[in-house]
Structure formats: C-alpha cells, structure tokens
Amino acid sequence: MSDAVATPNLNYPVTDRVRDALAISRRGCEELLPETDWIAKLARSEATGIALRVKLGLDPTAPDIHLGHTVVLGKMRQLQDLGHTVIFLIGDFTSMIGDPSGRNNTRPPLTREQIESNAQTYYRQASLVLDPARTEIRYNSEWSDPLGARGMIELASRYTVARMMERNDFAERFRAGTPISVHEFLYPLMQGYDSVALKSDLELGGTDQKFNLLVGRALQAEYGQEPQCILTMPLLEGLDGIEKMSKSKGNYIGITEPANTMFAKLLSISDTLMWRYYTLLSFRSEAEIAVLKAEVEGGRNPKDAKVMLATEITTRFHDARASEAAARDFELRARGGVPDEIDAVSLAGAPLAIGSVLKQARLAPSSSEALRLVDGGGVRVDGSVVSDRGLRLAAGTYVVQVGKRRFARVTLKP
C-alpha cells in the first residue's frame, strides 16, 4: 500500500558547516540513523536555506522535569541554534493511551485534566532549555482526534502485528504470559503518525524510544514522505551513578529545585560520573571538556571541574547571582558555618524536648527519627553537637543543624 517514497538528495555539497553540524548532532548521542540520510538532509538545508524540522515528543505523565529530561532537550537546543525548526510536541492524545516502553505491565492512562495541568508545567520548564521564541509548540490531539474510527483503522493497516512484536517489551510480556492490551499497540502507531502529520526530518528521543521512532520512519515511507532520521540520546544516570535519573528513585536533580540544592547535588556526584554529566549536560565544547579532563588527569583538583559544572548548570536554570550565592553557601556549610539564609521557625511551649523541636521545625520526620539523629551525633545547636537525647531547650533563639546542610533558626516561646 506504500506510496512513492521521497529520499534525501545526495547531490548537495558536504561543506565544512555541514560537517560541523554533523559533529554537533553526534555529540553525546547513542545512535544517529541513518547517518548518511542526515548528512544529505543537512547538506540540502545548507544549500537551499530551508530549515529542517526537528521533532521531540514528550508525554506529560508527570508535572516536573529533571536533568535527565534535559539531555534530549539540550540536543534540541543545539539544533535550534543551528537554525533548524524545533517542534516541541506535547503528547496530550498519546498520554491517554500510555507509553508501554520498557514496562512489563499496562500503564494506566491519565485523565484529560492531569494531562493539561502537566503539559503547562512541562513546557514552562522546557523553556528554560529551549528558546521559546524559536520553538513551535504542537499538541498531537490536533490531528489524532480528527482521525476517528475510520482513520484509525486505515492507519493500523499500515503496520503489521509481526513488526509490532519485534519490540522487546511486547515480546517479553507475550512470552511471560503477561497481558498486553490492544490499545498499547496504538501508542507507537500514534507516535509514528505524529511524524507524518508534522513532516518531521529528524525525531529525537531516549534510547528506550528507538522502536517508536523507527515506527515513525516506516509510516512516513508508507505515506509517501521522505523518512525522518532518528537520534537517540542516552538515559542519564542519577546521583548514585547506577540507575537512570528518576524522581521515584530519589536520585534526581529537578530543574526547578532551589539553586543551593541544585548546586550541592551536582557537587555530590562522583569524579567519574562528572565527565558523563559534562558530555550530556554542558554547553561547553568537546575541546574545552577534553582540555579540562586532561588538566584533572594531570593533577588538578577534580573539585574545580565539578564546581565549574555546577556553576554552569545552576546558572542556566537560575541565574549567575543565585549560582554564586549557592557556591558560597556550599563552602560555608562545608566549613561548618551557618548559611546567610535559613528557614525561621517559631515554636511555643518552651522548654521543649530536642526531639520535639526537630520534628516541629521539620528537620526530622518524627520524634523517634530525631532521637536517632541525636544518638548518631548528627544534631547541633548553636554549633555544639547534641549528645543528650533528653535535652530540653528553654525560651530563646537557636540555630539548629541536622547533618551538613539542613538548618533552621528556631525561636522558642513559653
């Protein structure tokens, strides 16, 4: 049923600018397929002055974005800075199906209200990476809703069950006897149809999205379009350096977290993981990173490089002043000092037991956990370690510290 398929014209010259654009495209990516087609597209764009259409689809399944999400957003920004048209596609239709990628069970669909709320937050946060003035925002309900039953059946006829079962998670679930709902087959079809509707030249995604991206390429060929190229980016490891960054695993850095928190978390990563973050998150050139890495291997303190990384990223999502303040705050805490800005808490009922003070000041989740912290030597009052779990604080104002980074200025009243 395929129509005639357009292919990239290989006759345009591959100039130095095209080679530079290719190097930027390749940086940090897992796969660029087919690379020869992408070179041809870049050469055509350079020769004709017609920008390429670069697509990234994100389902607003959660309201917040962390640094792991910005790996692919950063690549979009690089391509945007090359002059190409960046399409930030919000999957408000596909979110109602639920992406089965990498899952061993059916993902529950979201409500329309959840999707709309999350989508607004997603784009606002993504705009911290992309240039909003040069970003085309689209919602896939624009063309998916009008398809209707007839259009959905026609679309489904363009792809076979055998090819769908080549997808690893579907095949594994089938072998294990784990249910696969028919609507889950619709997800990669609908994501692929997005590429048809947008006439995409390149689609980006994480490595877990490769199958879906290839479906888009196949469907474009079915509809007689020039097939898109696909570029997959690695999944960023979290603070533990082992598992991918995830809020549910607690190993994440949210892009809207306070500057002090973001800066401190970045300085907590290992010296080895730091270079992975540089490659995937930094806007510094590969040459600059290589020089910095050589300096560290030659004896320079790796903390210097880590501070540079933390400063760059914190500045990106806050500003230079906030980043500088976060650096000062971190050094002050590292020396055992008290930050300039800490939460102020007023409590009544003095004298109060230390466990109750910590709980009410939200420095510990419970009185029993507060006493465990005291037993471990992790609590200070006005700089002195608290060793007596029976300590009661009289009326007055105290600086209470838990661990290295949690402070509160507590005023106790009778």
Foldseek 3Di string as FASTA:
>chain_A
DADAADAQDQPFDQDPLLVVVLVLLPFQFDDWPPSSRSSSVSSVCVVPVAAAEEEEEDELPDQFDFVLVCLQLLSLQVSVVSPHQYEYEYALPLQQQPACQPHLAGDHHDDSVSRVNSVVSVVVQSCLRHPVVRYHYYYLCVPPVVCPPVNLVVLVVLDDPVLLCVRVSNVVNVVVVHDDDPSNSVNLSSLLVVCVVVVHQEYEEAPSCVSSLVSNQSVCRRHRYHGHIYIHHYQQCFQVRPHGADVVVVRTGTLPPQLLVLLVSLLSHDLVSVLVCCRRPNPDDPVVSVVVVVVVVVPDDSSVVSLVSSQRSSCSSPRNVSSVLSVVCVVCLVVVHDRPDAAEEEEEDPQAQQLVVCCVVVVAVHSVRSLVQLCVQQKDKQSHTRNDNRDTHGAAWIWIGGHRRHIYTYGYYD
